[in-house]
Amino acid sequence: DTSVNMAEINALLQELSQAFTHRREDKWDKWLLRVEVYGAQALIFTKQKENVDAALSKLGEIFTNNKEYIPALLAMAQALIVQKNQPKARNQLKRIADLAKKGYNPDF
C-alpha cells in the first residue's frame, strides 16, 4: 500500500533529518540537502501528479540555492520523465553532463 510505504519513508527521512540537524558542520549540511532530495524522490516515485509537482517545487528551491548540486538535477530529470516531459528532462541531463565535463580532471 502506497500510503503505508510513504508514511514509513517520511518517518525514516525525518529521523535522518533530525540526526543531521543536531550537528552543525558543513559536511552535515550536505547530508541534510541529500535527505531533502531523497524526500523529493519518494514523492516522485508515487507517480501521483500532486506529489510529483510538490517534488519539483522542492527540487527547484534546492537548485536555486545550489546550481551545481547533481542529485537535485537528477531527481528533477526523473520527475520530468514521470510527467512525460522528456525534452525538459533531457535538458537537466545535459546540464549534469556539462557539470561532469567541467569537473573532469584527466590527471586524477
N, C-alpha and C. Protein backbone atom coordinates (compact mmCIF):
# COMPACT_ATOMS: atom_id res chain seq x y z
N ASP A 1 0.84 -1.18 0.00
CA ASP A 1 0.00 0.00 0.00
C ASP A 1 0.89 1.25 0.00
N THR A 2 0.64 2.13 -0.95
CA THR A 2 1.47 3.31 -1.12
C THR A 2 1.47 4.23 0.09
N SER A 3 0.33 4.41 0.71
CA SER A 3 0.27 5.33 1.85
C SER A 3 1.07 4.81 3.04
N VAL A 4 1.07 3.50 3.23
CA VAL A 4 1.86 2.91 4.32
C VAL A 4 3.36 3.08 4.01
N ASN A 5 3.73 2.82 2.76
CA ASN A 5 5.13 2.99 2.36
C ASN A 5 5.59 4.43 2.52
N MET A 6 4.74 5.38 2.10
CA MET A 6 5.11 6.79 2.22
C MET A 6 5.24 7.20 3.69
N ALA A 7 4.38 6.68 4.53
CA ALA A 7 4.47 7.00 5.96
C ALA A 7 5.79 6.50 6.53
N GLU A 8 6.19 5.31 6.13
CA GLU A 8 7.46 4.75 6.59
C GLU A 8 8.64 5.56 6.06
N ILE A 9 8.58 5.92 4.79
CA ILE A 9 9.64 6.73 4.19
C ILE A 9 9.75 8.07 4.90
N ASN A 10 8.62 8.72 5.13
CA ASN A 10 8.64 10.01 5.81
C ASN A 10 9.20 9.91 7.22
N ALA A 11 8.88 8.83 7.92
CA ALA A 11 9.41 8.63 9.27
C ALA A 11 10.93 8.47 9.23
N LEU A 12 11.42 7.69 8.27
CA LEU A 12 12.86 7.50 8.14
C LEU A 12 13.57 8.79 7.74
N LEU A 13 12.99 9.53 6.82
CA LEU A 13 13.59 10.80 6.40
C LEU A 13 13.61 11.80 7.55
N GLN A 14 12.56 11.82 8.34
CA GLN A 14 12.52 12.72 9.49
C GLN A 14 13.59 12.33 10.51
N GLU A 15 13.76 11.05 10.71
CA GLU A 15 14.78 10.57 11.64
C GLU A 15 16.18 10.97 11.16
N LEU A 16 16.44 10.79 9.87
CA LEU A 16 17.72 11.19 9.31
C LEU A 16 17.92 12.71 9.43
N SER A 17 16.89 13.44 9.11
CA SER A 17 16.97 14.90 9.17
C SER A 17 17.30 15.37 10.58
N GLN A 18 16.64 14.79 11.57
CA GLN A 18 16.91 15.16 12.96
C GLN A 18 18.33 14.80 13.37
N ALA A 19 18.81 13.67 12.91
CA ALA A 19 20.17 13.24 13.24
C ALA A 19 21.21 14.22 12.70
N PHE A 20 20.97 14.74 11.50
CA PHE A 20 21.93 15.65 10.90
C PHE A 20 21.74 17.09 11.36
N THR A 21 20.54 17.44 11.79
CA THR A 21 20.26 18.81 12.22
C THR A 21 21.02 19.14 13.49
N HIS A 22 21.20 18.18 14.36
CA HIS A 22 21.86 18.42 15.64
C HIS A 22 23.36 18.64 15.49
N ARG A 23 23.88 18.34 14.35
CA ARG A 23 25.31 18.52 14.10
C ARG A 23 25.49 19.74 13.22
N ARG A 24 26.21 20.69 13.67
CA ARG A 24 26.38 21.94 12.94
C ARG A 24 27.75 22.02 12.29
N GLU A 25 27.96 21.25 11.27
CA GLU A 25 29.18 21.30 10.48
C GLU A 25 28.77 21.28 9.02
N ASP A 26 29.63 21.83 8.18
CA ASP A 26 29.31 21.89 6.75
C ASP A 26 29.04 20.52 6.14
N LYS A 27 29.80 19.51 6.57
CA LYS A 27 29.60 18.19 5.97
C LYS A 27 28.21 17.65 6.28
N TRP A 28 27.65 18.01 7.43
CA TRP A 28 26.32 17.53 7.78
C TRP A 28 25.25 18.31 7.02
N ASP A 29 25.52 19.57 6.69
CA ASP A 29 24.57 20.34 5.89
C ASP A 29 24.39 19.69 4.52
N LYS A 30 25.47 19.15 3.98
CA LYS A 30 25.38 18.47 2.69
C LYS A 30 24.51 17.22 2.81
N TRP A 31 24.61 16.53 3.93
CA TRP A 31 23.76 15.36 4.14
C TRP A 31 22.30 15.75 4.29
N LEU A 32 22.05 16.87 4.96
CA LEU A 32 20.67 17.35 5.08
C LEU A 32 20.08 17.63 3.71
N LEU A 33 20.89 18.22 2.85
CA LEU A 33 20.44 18.50 1.48
C LEU A 33 20.12 17.19 0.76
N ARG A 34 20.94 16.19 0.97
CA ARG A 34 20.72 14.89 0.34
C ARG A 34 19.42 14.27 0.85
N VAL A 35 19.13 14.43 2.14
CA VAL A 35 17.88 13.90 2.71
C VAL A 35 16.68 14.58 2.08
N GLU A 36 16.79 15.89 1.81
CA GLU A 36 15.70 16.60 1.14
C GLU A 36 15.47 16.05 -0.26
N VAL A 37 16.54 15.73 -0.96
CA VAL A 37 16.40 15.15 -2.30
C VAL A 37 15.76 13.78 -2.21
N TYR A 38 16.16 12.98 -1.20
CA TYR A 38 15.53 11.67 -1.01
C TYR A 38 14.03 11.81 -0.80
N GLY A 39 13.63 12.83 -0.03
CA GLY A 39 12.20 13.06 0.20
C GLY A 39 11.48 13.40 -1.08
N ALA A 40 12.12 14.22 -1.91
CA ALA A 40 11.52 14.57 -3.20
C ALA A 40 11.41 13.34 -4.09
N GLN A 41 12.44 12.49 -4.08
CA GLN A 41 12.39 11.29 -4.90
C GLN A 41 11.29 10.35 -4.44
N ALA A 42 11.07 10.28 -3.15
CA ALA A 42 9.98 9.44 -2.64
C ALA A 42 8.65 9.93 -3.18
N LEU A 43 8.48 11.25 -3.23
CA LEU A 43 7.24 11.81 -3.80
C LEU A 43 7.13 11.49 -5.29
N ILE A 44 8.24 11.57 -5.99
CA ILE A 44 8.24 11.29 -7.43
C ILE A 44 7.82 9.86 -7.70
N PHE A 45 8.33 8.94 -6.91
CA PHE A 45 8.09 7.52 -7.18
C PHE A 45 6.65 7.09 -6.90
N THR A 46 5.85 7.96 -6.28
CA THR A 46 4.43 7.64 -6.14
C THR A 46 3.72 7.79 -7.48
N LYS A 47 4.30 8.60 -8.37
CA LYS A 47 3.78 8.89 -9.71
C LYS A 47 2.41 9.57 -9.68
N GLN A 48 2.08 10.18 -8.54
CA GLN A 48 0.85 10.96 -8.45
C GLN A 48 1.18 12.40 -8.80
N LYS A 49 0.36 13.00 -9.65
CA LYS A 49 0.64 14.33 -10.18
C LYS A 49 0.93 15.35 -9.08
N GLU A 50 0.12 15.39 -8.03
CA GLU A 50 0.32 16.37 -6.96
C GLU A 50 1.66 16.17 -6.28
N ASN A 51 2.02 14.91 -6.05
CA ASN A 51 3.30 14.61 -5.40
C ASN A 51 4.49 14.96 -6.29
N VAL A 52 4.37 14.66 -7.57
CA VAL A 52 5.46 14.98 -8.49
C VAL A 52 5.62 16.49 -8.59
N ASP A 53 4.52 17.22 -8.64
CA ASP A 53 4.59 18.68 -8.68
C ASP A 53 5.23 19.23 -7.40
N ALA A 54 4.88 18.66 -6.25
CA ALA A 54 5.46 19.10 -4.98
C ALA A 54 6.96 18.81 -4.95
N ALA A 55 7.34 17.65 -5.48
CA ALA A 55 8.76 17.29 -5.54
C ALA A 55 9.53 18.25 -6.44
N LEU A 56 8.96 18.58 -7.59
CA LEU A 56 9.63 19.52 -8.49
C LEU A 56 9.78 20.89 -7.84
N SER A 57 8.79 21.30 -7.09
CA SER A 57 8.87 22.57 -6.39
C SER A 57 10.00 22.55 -5.36
N LYS A 58 10.07 21.48 -4.59
CA LYS A 58 11.12 21.35 -3.58
C LYS A 58 12.50 21.30 -4.24
N LEU A 59 12.61 20.55 -5.32
CA LEU A 59 13.88 20.44 -6.03
C LEU A 59 14.27 21.78 -6.67
N GLY A 60 13.28 22.53 -7.13
CA GLY A 60 13.55 23.86 -7.68
C GLY A 60 14.15 24.78 -6.64
N GLU A 61 13.64 24.70 -5.41
CA GLU A 61 14.20 25.50 -4.31
C GLU A 61 15.65 25.10 -4.03
N ILE A 62 15.89 23.80 -4.01
CA ILE A 62 17.25 23.31 -3.77
C ILE A 62 18.17 23.79 -4.88
N PHE A 63 17.70 23.68 -6.12
CA PHE A 63 18.50 24.07 -7.27
C PHE A 63 18.80 25.57 -7.26
N THR A 64 17.84 26.36 -6.82
CA THR A 64 18.04 27.81 -6.76
C THR A 64 19.22 28.17 -5.87
N ASN A 65 19.36 27.45 -4.77
CA ASN A 65 20.44 27.73 -3.82
C ASN A 65 21.74 26.98 -4.14
N ASN A 66 21.64 25.93 -4.93
CA ASN A 66 22.81 25.09 -5.24
C ASN A 66 22.78 24.72 -6.71
N LYS A 67 23.24 25.62 -7.56
CA LYS A 67 23.13 25.44 -9.01
C LYS A 67 23.87 24.22 -9.55
N GLU A 68 24.85 23.71 -8.80
CA GLU A 68 25.64 22.60 -9.31
C GLU A 68 25.43 21.33 -8.48
N TYR A 69 24.28 21.20 -7.83
CA TYR A 69 24.02 20.03 -7.00
C TYR A 69 23.40 18.94 -7.86
N ILE A 70 24.22 18.01 -8.28
CA ILE A 70 23.83 16.99 -9.24
C ILE A 70 22.68 16.09 -8.77
N PRO A 71 22.63 15.66 -7.50
CA PRO A 71 21.50 14.82 -7.09
C PRO A 71 20.14 15.50 -7.30
N ALA A 72 20.09 16.81 -7.08
CA ALA A 72 18.83 17.53 -7.30
C ALA A 72 18.49 17.59 -8.79
N LEU A 73 19.49 17.82 -9.62
CA LEU A 73 19.25 17.85 -11.06
C LEU A 73 18.78 16.49 -11.58
N LEU A 74 19.37 15.43 -11.08
CA LEU A 74 18.97 14.09 -11.50
C LEU A 74 17.54 13.79 -11.06
N ALA A 75 17.20 14.17 -9.84
CA ALA A 75 15.83 13.95 -9.34
C ALA A 75 14.83 14.78 -10.16
N MET A 76 15.23 16.00 -10.55
CA MET A 76 14.35 16.81 -11.40
C MET A 76 14.12 16.11 -12.73
N ALA A 77 15.17 15.53 -13.30
CA ALA A 77 15.02 14.81 -14.57
C ALA A 77 14.08 13.62 -14.40
N GLN A 78 14.19 12.92 -13.27
CA GLN A 78 13.30 11.80 -13.01
C GLN A 78 11.84 12.27 -12.92
N ALA A 79 11.62 13.38 -12.24
CA ALA A 79 10.26 13.91 -12.10
C ALA A 79 9.71 14.31 -13.46
N LEU A 80 10.53 14.93 -14.28
CA LEU A 80 10.08 15.36 -15.59
C LEU A 80 9.75 14.16 -16.49
N ILE A 81 10.49 13.09 -16.34
CA ILE A 81 10.19 11.87 -17.10
C ILE A 81 8.84 11.30 -16.66
N VAL A 82 8.60 11.29 -15.35
CA VAL A 82 7.31 10.81 -14.84
C VAL A 82 6.18 11.67 -15.39
N GLN A 83 6.44 12.97 -15.53
CA GLN A 83 5.43 13.87 -16.10
C GLN A 83 5.35 13.78 -17.62
N LYS A 84 6.15 12.90 -18.20
CA LYS A 84 6.20 12.71 -19.65
C LYS A 84 6.67 13.97 -20.38
N ASN A 85 7.62 14.67 -19.76
CA ASN A 85 8.20 15.87 -20.34
C ASN A 85 9.67 15.59 -20.65
N GLN A 86 9.89 14.71 -21.63
CA GLN A 86 11.23 14.26 -21.96
C GLN A 86 12.18 15.37 -22.41
N PRO A 87 11.73 16.37 -23.19
CA PRO A 87 12.68 17.42 -23.58
C PRO A 87 13.28 18.17 -22.39
N LYS A 88 12.46 18.50 -21.41
CA LYS A 88 12.99 19.19 -20.22
C LYS A 88 13.88 18.26 -19.41
N ALA A 89 13.51 16.98 -19.33
CA ALA A 89 14.34 16.01 -18.62
C ALA A 89 15.70 15.90 -19.31
N ARG A 90 15.69 15.86 -20.61
CA ARG A 90 16.94 15.79 -21.37
C ARG A 90 17.82 17.00 -21.09
N ASN A 91 17.20 18.17 -20.97
CA ASN A 91 17.98 19.38 -20.66
C ASN A 91 18.65 19.27 -19.29
N GLN A 92 17.95 18.71 -18.32
CA GLN A 92 18.54 18.53 -17.00
C GLN A 92 19.72 17.55 -17.08
N LEU A 93 19.56 16.49 -17.85
CA LEU A 93 20.63 15.51 -18.00
C LEU A 93 21.83 16.11 -18.74
N LYS A 94 21.57 16.98 -19.72
CA LYS A 94 22.66 17.67 -20.40
C LYS A 94 23.41 18.59 -19.44
N ARG A 95 22.66 19.23 -18.56
CA ARG A 95 23.27 20.10 -17.55
C ARG A 95 24.20 19.28 -16.65
N ILE A 96 23.76 18.09 -16.27
CA ILE A 96 24.60 17.21 -15.45
C ILE A 96 25.87 16.83 -16.22
N ALA A 97 25.72 16.50 -17.50
CA ALA A 97 26.87 16.13 -18.32
C ALA A 97 27.86 17.30 -18.42
N ASP A 98 27.35 18.51 -18.57
CA ASP A 98 28.21 19.69 -18.65
C ASP A 98 28.96 19.90 -17.33
N LEU A 99 28.28 19.70 -16.22
CA LEU A 99 28.94 19.83 -14.92
C LEU A 99 30.02 18.76 -14.75
N ALA A 100 29.74 17.57 -15.25
CA ALA A 100 30.72 16.49 -15.16
C ALA A 100 31.96 16.82 -16.01
N LYS A 101 31.74 17.42 -17.18
CA LYS A 101 32.87 17.79 -18.03
C LYS A 101 33.72 18.87 -17.35
N LYS A 102 33.06 19.82 -16.70
CA LYS A 102 33.80 20.89 -16.01
C LYS A 102 34.63 20.33 -14.86
N GLY A 103 34.09 19.33 -14.19
CA GLY A 103 34.78 18.77 -13.02
C GLY A 103 35.75 17.66 -13.35
N TYR A 104 35.83 17.26 -14.62
CA TYR A 104 36.70 16.15 -15.00
C TYR A 104 38.15 16.57 -14.96
N ASN A 105 38.97 15.75 -14.32
CA ASN A 105 40.39 16.01 -14.24
C ASN A 105 41.13 14.79 -14.78
N PRO A 106 41.68 14.87 -15.98
CA PRO A 106 42.35 13.69 -16.57
C PRO A 106 43.60 13.27 -15.81
N ASP A 107 44.17 14.16 -15.01
CA ASP A 107 45.38 13.83 -14.25
C ASP A 107 45.09 13.09 -12.97
N PHE A 108 43.83 12.96 -12.61
CA PHE A 108 43.48 12.34 -11.34
C PHE A 108 43.73 10.88 -11.32
